[in-house]
Amino acid sequence: MIIDEQEFLSILVSLEIGNQEFFQFLNGKVKKYPVKEFGWGCFSILDKENHIVDIRILVPDFFDELCIRINIHEYNHAYELYNELGEVYIENRVVRENNAKEKELEFSRLRLKKF
């Protein structure tokens, strides 16, 4: 399953991950690489007082459904951080990971309904 960026953004919106302002904010902050295996992630940029001031994402290109799910996962992290911009970063890895995994599962369920 290869998709383009516009279709991916539509998927994100259907999963309630992001809006137009969020996508504009991420412009130039997402690095996509043409490999499947790497240390993918979403990274918060903090100021001296640990306030979230920016976000960066590293994700694979859309090679297959696994790569799309990785993108969904990392974009979900980014959207959570985006909604916390200016706030002190609080590490809550378990909750953040569970939220992102749930969005991956929701995507998989939606894909199964289409076929």
N, C-alpha and C. Protein backbone atom coordinates (compact mmCIF):
# COMPACT_ATOMS: atom_id res chain seq x y z
N MET A 1 0.85 -1.18 0.00
CA MET A 1 0.00 0.00 0.00
C MET A 1 0.90 1.24 0.00
N ILE A 2 0.98 1.89 -1.10
CA ILE A 2 1.73 3.13 -1.21
C ILE A 2 0.72 4.26 -1.33
N ILE A 3 0.91 5.29 -0.51
CA ILE A 3 0.01 6.44 -0.54
C ILE A 3 0.83 7.71 -0.70
N ASP A 4 0.16 8.79 -1.04
CA ASP A 4 0.86 10.07 -1.13
C ASP A 4 0.60 10.88 0.14
N GLU A 5 1.28 11.99 0.25
CA GLU A 5 1.20 12.81 1.46
C GLU A 5 -0.22 13.30 1.73
N GLN A 6 -0.94 13.70 0.69
CA GLN A 6 -2.30 14.21 0.86
C GLN A 6 -3.22 13.13 1.42
N GLU A 7 -3.10 11.91 0.90
CA GLU A 7 -3.92 10.81 1.41
C GLU A 7 -3.56 10.50 2.87
N PHE A 8 -2.27 10.58 3.18
CA PHE A 8 -1.85 10.34 4.56
C PHE A 8 -2.45 11.39 5.50
N LEU A 9 -2.44 12.65 5.10
CA LEU A 9 -3.02 13.70 5.94
C LEU A 9 -4.51 13.45 6.15
N SER A 10 -5.19 12.94 5.12
CA SER A 10 -6.61 12.61 5.27
C SER A 10 -6.81 11.48 6.28
N ILE A 11 -5.90 10.51 6.26
CA ILE A 11 -5.95 9.42 7.24
C ILE A 11 -5.78 9.99 8.64
N LEU A 12 -4.81 10.87 8.81
CA LEU A 12 -4.58 11.48 10.13
C LEU A 12 -5.83 12.20 10.63
N VAL A 13 -6.45 12.98 9.75
CA VAL A 13 -7.66 13.72 10.14
C VAL A 13 -8.77 12.74 10.53
N SER A 14 -8.92 11.65 9.78
CA SER A 14 -9.96 10.67 10.11
C SER A 14 -9.69 10.00 11.46
N LEU A 15 -8.41 9.94 11.86
CA LEU A 15 -8.04 9.37 13.16
C LEU A 15 -8.00 10.43 14.27
N GLU A 16 -8.41 11.65 13.91
CA GLU A 16 -8.40 12.79 14.83
C GLU A 16 -6.99 13.11 15.34
N ILE A 17 -6.04 13.01 14.41
CA ILE A 17 -4.65 13.39 14.69
C ILE A 17 -4.37 14.60 13.82
N GLY A 18 -4.46 15.76 14.39
CA GLY A 18 -4.08 16.96 13.67
C GLY A 18 -5.21 17.74 13.05
N ASN A 19 -4.82 18.94 12.59
CA ASN A 19 -5.69 19.85 11.88
C ASN A 19 -4.80 20.71 10.99
N GLN A 20 -5.39 21.62 10.26
CA GLN A 20 -4.62 22.42 9.30
C GLN A 20 -3.48 23.20 9.98
N GLU A 21 -3.75 23.77 11.14
CA GLU A 21 -2.72 24.53 11.85
C GLU A 21 -1.56 23.63 12.26
N PHE A 22 -1.87 22.43 12.73
CA PHE A 22 -0.85 21.46 13.12
C PHE A 22 0.02 21.08 11.93
N PHE A 23 -0.62 20.80 10.80
CA PHE A 23 0.15 20.40 9.61
C PHE A 23 1.03 21.55 9.13
N GLN A 24 0.53 22.77 9.21
CA GLN A 24 1.35 23.92 8.84
C GLN A 24 2.52 24.08 9.80
N PHE A 25 2.28 23.89 11.09
CA PHE A 25 3.32 23.98 12.09
C PHE A 25 4.45 22.98 11.79
N LEU A 26 4.08 21.79 11.34
CA LEU A 26 5.09 20.74 11.08
C LEU A 26 5.85 20.94 9.77
N ASN A 27 5.42 21.88 8.96
CA ASN A 27 6.09 22.10 7.69
C ASN A 27 7.60 22.31 7.90
N GLY A 28 8.41 21.44 7.30
CA GLY A 28 9.86 21.52 7.42
C GLY A 28 10.42 20.86 8.66
N LYS A 29 9.56 20.26 9.49
CA LYS A 29 10.01 19.64 10.73
C LYS A 29 9.92 18.12 10.71
N VAL A 30 9.53 17.58 9.56
CA VAL A 30 9.40 16.14 9.41
C VAL A 30 10.45 15.66 8.41
N LYS A 31 11.24 14.70 8.81
CA LYS A 31 12.25 14.11 7.92
C LYS A 31 11.82 12.69 7.60
N LYS A 32 11.60 12.45 6.31
CA LYS A 32 11.24 11.10 5.84
C LYS A 32 12.46 10.49 5.17
N TYR A 33 12.71 9.23 5.48
CA TYR A 33 13.87 8.54 4.92
C TYR A 33 13.43 7.32 4.13
N PRO A 34 14.16 7.03 3.05
CA PRO A 34 13.80 5.90 2.18
C PRO A 34 14.34 4.56 2.68
N VAL A 35 14.23 4.32 3.97
CA VAL A 35 14.61 3.03 4.55
C VAL A 35 13.50 2.60 5.49
N LYS A 36 13.40 1.28 5.71
CA LYS A 36 12.32 0.78 6.57
C LYS A 36 12.72 0.69 8.03
N GLU A 37 13.97 0.42 8.30
CA GLU A 37 14.38 0.21 9.68
C GLU A 37 15.35 1.30 10.12
N PHE A 38 14.99 1.95 11.22
CA PHE A 38 15.78 3.06 11.73
C PHE A 38 15.24 3.40 13.12
N GLY A 39 15.83 4.31 13.80
CA GLY A 39 15.33 4.75 15.10
C GLY A 39 14.31 5.85 14.95
N TRP A 40 13.14 5.50 14.44
CA TRP A 40 12.08 6.48 14.20
C TRP A 40 11.65 7.12 15.50
N GLY A 41 11.18 8.35 15.40
CA GLY A 41 10.73 8.98 16.62
C GLY A 41 10.20 10.38 16.44
N CYS A 42 9.64 10.87 17.52
CA CYS A 42 9.16 12.24 17.63
C CYS A 42 9.92 12.85 18.79
N PHE A 43 10.47 14.02 18.56
CA PHE A 43 11.34 14.64 19.54
C PHE A 43 10.84 16.03 19.91
N SER A 44 10.68 16.25 21.20
CA SER A 44 10.29 17.58 21.66
C SER A 44 11.55 18.41 21.85
N ILE A 45 11.46 19.67 21.50
CA ILE A 45 12.54 20.63 21.72
C ILE A 45 12.11 21.48 22.91
N LEU A 46 12.96 21.51 23.93
CA LEU A 46 12.62 22.20 25.17
C LEU A 46 13.52 23.41 25.38
N ASP A 47 12.99 24.42 26.06
CA ASP A 47 13.81 25.56 26.45
C ASP A 47 14.49 25.25 27.79
N LYS A 48 15.17 26.24 28.35
CA LYS A 48 15.91 26.03 29.60
C LYS A 48 15.01 25.64 30.77
N GLU A 49 13.76 26.04 30.72
CA GLU A 49 12.83 25.72 31.81
C GLU A 49 11.98 24.48 31.50
N ASN A 50 12.38 23.71 30.48
CA ASN A 50 11.69 22.49 30.05
C ASN A 50 10.30 22.73 29.45
N HIS A 51 10.06 23.92 28.92
CA HIS A 51 8.83 24.18 28.18
C HIS A 51 9.00 23.63 26.76
N ILE A 52 7.95 23.05 26.24
CA ILE A 52 7.98 22.54 24.87
C ILE A 52 7.91 23.73 23.92
N VAL A 53 8.94 23.88 23.07
CA VAL A 53 8.97 25.02 22.16
C VAL A 53 8.95 24.59 20.69
N ASP A 54 9.24 23.32 20.42
CA ASP A 54 9.25 22.86 19.03
C ASP A 54 9.20 21.34 19.01
N ILE A 55 9.01 20.79 17.81
CA ILE A 55 8.86 19.35 17.62
C ILE A 55 9.56 18.95 16.33
N ARG A 56 10.18 17.78 16.33
CA ARG A 56 10.77 17.19 15.12
C ARG A 56 10.31 15.74 15.02
N ILE A 57 10.15 15.27 13.79
CA ILE A 57 9.73 13.88 13.56
C ILE A 57 10.67 13.23 12.54
N LEU A 58 11.05 11.99 12.82
CA LEU A 58 11.79 11.15 11.87
C LEU A 58 10.94 9.93 11.57
N VAL A 59 10.61 9.73 10.29
CA VAL A 59 9.74 8.63 9.89
C VAL A 59 10.19 8.05 8.55
N PRO A 60 9.76 6.82 8.25
CA PRO A 60 10.07 6.25 6.95
C PRO A 60 9.12 6.76 5.87
N ASP A 61 9.54 6.64 4.62
CA ASP A 61 8.62 6.87 3.51
C ASP A 61 7.49 5.85 3.59
N PHE A 62 6.45 6.04 2.80
CA PHE A 62 5.28 5.16 2.82
C PHE A 62 5.51 3.93 1.93
N PHE A 63 6.34 2.99 2.38
CA PHE A 63 6.61 1.78 1.61
C PHE A 63 5.47 0.77 1.67
N ASP A 64 4.92 0.63 2.85
CA ASP A 64 3.90 -0.39 3.09
C ASP A 64 3.07 0.02 4.30
N GLU A 65 2.16 -0.86 4.69
CA GLU A 65 1.27 -0.52 5.80
C GLU A 65 2.03 -0.34 7.12
N LEU A 66 3.07 -1.11 7.34
CA LEU A 66 3.86 -0.94 8.56
C LEU A 66 4.45 0.47 8.62
N CYS A 67 4.98 0.96 7.52
CA CYS A 67 5.55 2.31 7.49
C CYS A 67 4.48 3.37 7.72
N ILE A 68 3.29 3.13 7.20
CA ILE A 68 2.19 4.07 7.44
C ILE A 68 1.84 4.08 8.92
N ARG A 69 1.81 2.90 9.54
CA ARG A 69 1.51 2.83 10.98
C ARG A 69 2.60 3.51 11.81
N ILE A 70 3.85 3.38 11.41
CA ILE A 70 4.93 4.09 12.10
C ILE A 70 4.70 5.60 12.02
N ASN A 71 4.35 6.07 10.83
CA ASN A 71 4.06 7.50 10.65
C ASN A 71 2.90 7.93 11.54
N ILE A 72 1.83 7.16 11.56
CA ILE A 72 0.68 7.48 12.40
C ILE A 72 1.11 7.57 13.86
N HIS A 73 1.90 6.62 14.29
CA HIS A 73 2.38 6.57 15.67
C HIS A 73 3.15 7.84 16.03
N GLU A 74 4.10 8.20 15.18
CA GLU A 74 4.94 9.37 15.49
C GLU A 74 4.18 10.68 15.34
N TYR A 75 3.29 10.77 14.36
CA TYR A 75 2.47 11.97 14.23
C TYR A 75 1.53 12.12 15.42
N ASN A 76 1.05 11.02 15.98
CA ASN A 76 0.22 11.11 17.16
C ASN A 76 1.01 11.71 18.33
N HIS A 77 2.26 11.22 18.50
CA HIS A 77 3.11 11.82 19.53
C HIS A 77 3.26 13.32 19.28
N ALA A 78 3.52 13.67 18.04
CA ALA A 78 3.72 15.09 17.70
C ALA A 78 2.48 15.91 17.99
N TYR A 79 1.30 15.37 17.69
CA TYR A 79 0.07 16.12 17.93
C TYR A 79 -0.16 16.34 19.42
N GLU A 80 0.15 15.32 20.22
CA GLU A 80 0.03 15.50 21.67
C GLU A 80 0.98 16.61 22.14
N LEU A 81 2.22 16.57 21.65
CA LEU A 81 3.19 17.60 22.03
C LEU A 81 2.76 18.98 21.53
N TYR A 82 2.23 19.02 20.32
CA TYR A 82 1.75 20.28 19.74
C TYR A 82 0.70 20.91 20.65
N ASN A 83 -0.18 20.09 21.17
CA ASN A 83 -1.23 20.59 22.07
C ASN A 83 -0.69 21.01 23.43
N GLU A 84 0.57 20.70 23.69
CA GLU A 84 1.22 21.08 24.95
C GLU A 84 2.29 22.15 24.74
N LEU A 85 2.38 22.72 23.54
CA LEU A 85 3.38 23.75 23.28
C LEU A 85 3.31 24.85 24.34
N GLY A 86 4.48 25.25 24.82
CA GLY A 86 4.55 26.30 25.82
C GLY A 86 4.43 25.79 27.25
N GLU A 87 3.98 24.55 27.41
CA GLU A 87 3.86 23.97 28.74
C GLU A 87 5.15 23.24 29.11
N VAL A 88 5.33 23.01 30.39
CA VAL A 88 6.47 22.22 30.86
C VAL A 88 6.26 20.78 30.41
N TYR A 89 7.31 20.20 29.82
CA TYR A 89 7.23 18.82 29.33
C TYR A 89 7.18 17.88 30.53
N ILE A 90 6.20 17.00 30.52
CA ILE A 90 6.08 15.96 31.55
C ILE A 90 6.19 14.62 30.85
N GLU A 91 7.21 13.87 31.23
CA GLU A 91 7.42 12.55 30.63
C GLU A 91 6.36 11.60 31.16
N ASN A 92 5.58 11.06 30.26
CA ASN A 92 4.57 10.08 30.61
C ASN A 92 4.57 9.03 29.51
N ARG A 93 5.68 8.36 29.38
CA ARG A 93 5.93 7.45 28.26
C ARG A 93 4.85 6.38 28.09
N VAL A 94 4.41 5.78 29.18
CA VAL A 94 3.43 4.69 29.07
C VAL A 94 2.14 5.20 28.45
N VAL A 95 1.63 6.32 28.95
CA VAL A 95 0.38 6.87 28.42
C VAL A 95 0.56 7.31 26.97
N ARG A 96 1.66 8.01 26.67
CA ARG A 96 1.91 8.48 25.31
C ARG A 96 2.03 7.31 24.34
N GLU A 97 2.74 6.27 24.74
CA GLU A 97 2.89 5.10 23.87
C GLU A 97 1.55 4.39 23.66
N ASN A 98 0.78 4.24 24.72
CA ASN A 98 -0.53 3.59 24.59
C ASN A 98 -1.45 4.38 23.66
N ASN A 99 -1.43 5.71 23.77
CA ASN A 99 -2.26 6.55 22.89
C ASN A 99 -1.86 6.35 21.43
N ALA A 100 -0.56 6.36 21.17
CA ALA A 100 -0.08 6.21 19.79
C ALA A 100 -0.39 4.81 19.24
N LYS A 101 -0.22 3.78 20.07
CA LYS A 101 -0.53 2.42 19.63
C LYS A 101 -2.01 2.25 19.34
N GLU A 102 -2.84 2.92 20.14
CA GLU A 102 -4.29 2.85 19.91
C GLU A 102 -4.65 3.45 18.54
N LYS A 103 -3.99 4.53 18.15
CA LYS A 103 -4.26 5.13 16.84
C LYS A 103 -3.82 4.19 15.72
N GLU A 104 -2.71 3.48 15.91
CA GLU A 104 -2.28 2.49 14.93
C GLU A 104 -3.35 1.41 14.77
N LEU A 105 -3.85 0.92 15.90
CA LEU A 105 -4.88 -0.12 15.87
C LEU A 105 -6.16 0.39 15.22
N GLU A 106 -6.52 1.62 15.51
CA GLU A 106 -7.71 2.21 14.91
C GLU A 106 -7.55 2.27 13.39
N PHE A 107 -6.37 2.65 12.92
CA PHE A 107 -6.09 2.66 11.48
C PHE A 107 -6.26 1.26 10.90
N SER A 108 -5.70 0.26 11.56
CA SER A 108 -5.80 -1.13 11.07
C SER A 108 -7.25 -1.58 11.01
N ARG A 109 -8.04 -1.22 12.02
CA ARG A 109 -9.47 -1.59 12.01
C ARG A 109 -10.20 -0.90 10.86
N LEU A 110 -9.90 0.38 10.63
CA LEU A 110 -10.54 1.09 9.52
C LEU A 110 -10.17 0.46 8.18
N ARG A 111 -8.92 0.04 8.03
CA ARG A 111 -8.46 -0.60 6.78
C ARG A 111 -9.21 -1.91 6.56
N LEU A 112 -9.40 -2.68 7.61
CA LEU A 112 -10.10 -3.95 7.48
C LEU A 112 -11.54 -3.76 7.07
N LYS A 113 -12.18 -2.69 7.56
CA LYS A 113 -13.57 -2.41 7.19
C LYS A 113 -13.72 -2.08 5.72
N LYS A 114 -12.67 -1.51 5.11
CA LYS A 114 -12.74 -1.13 3.70
C LYS A 114 -12.73 -2.34 2.78
N PHE A 115 -12.22 -3.46 3.28
CA PHE A 115 -12.10 -4.65 2.41
C PHE A 115 -12.98 -5.77 2.84
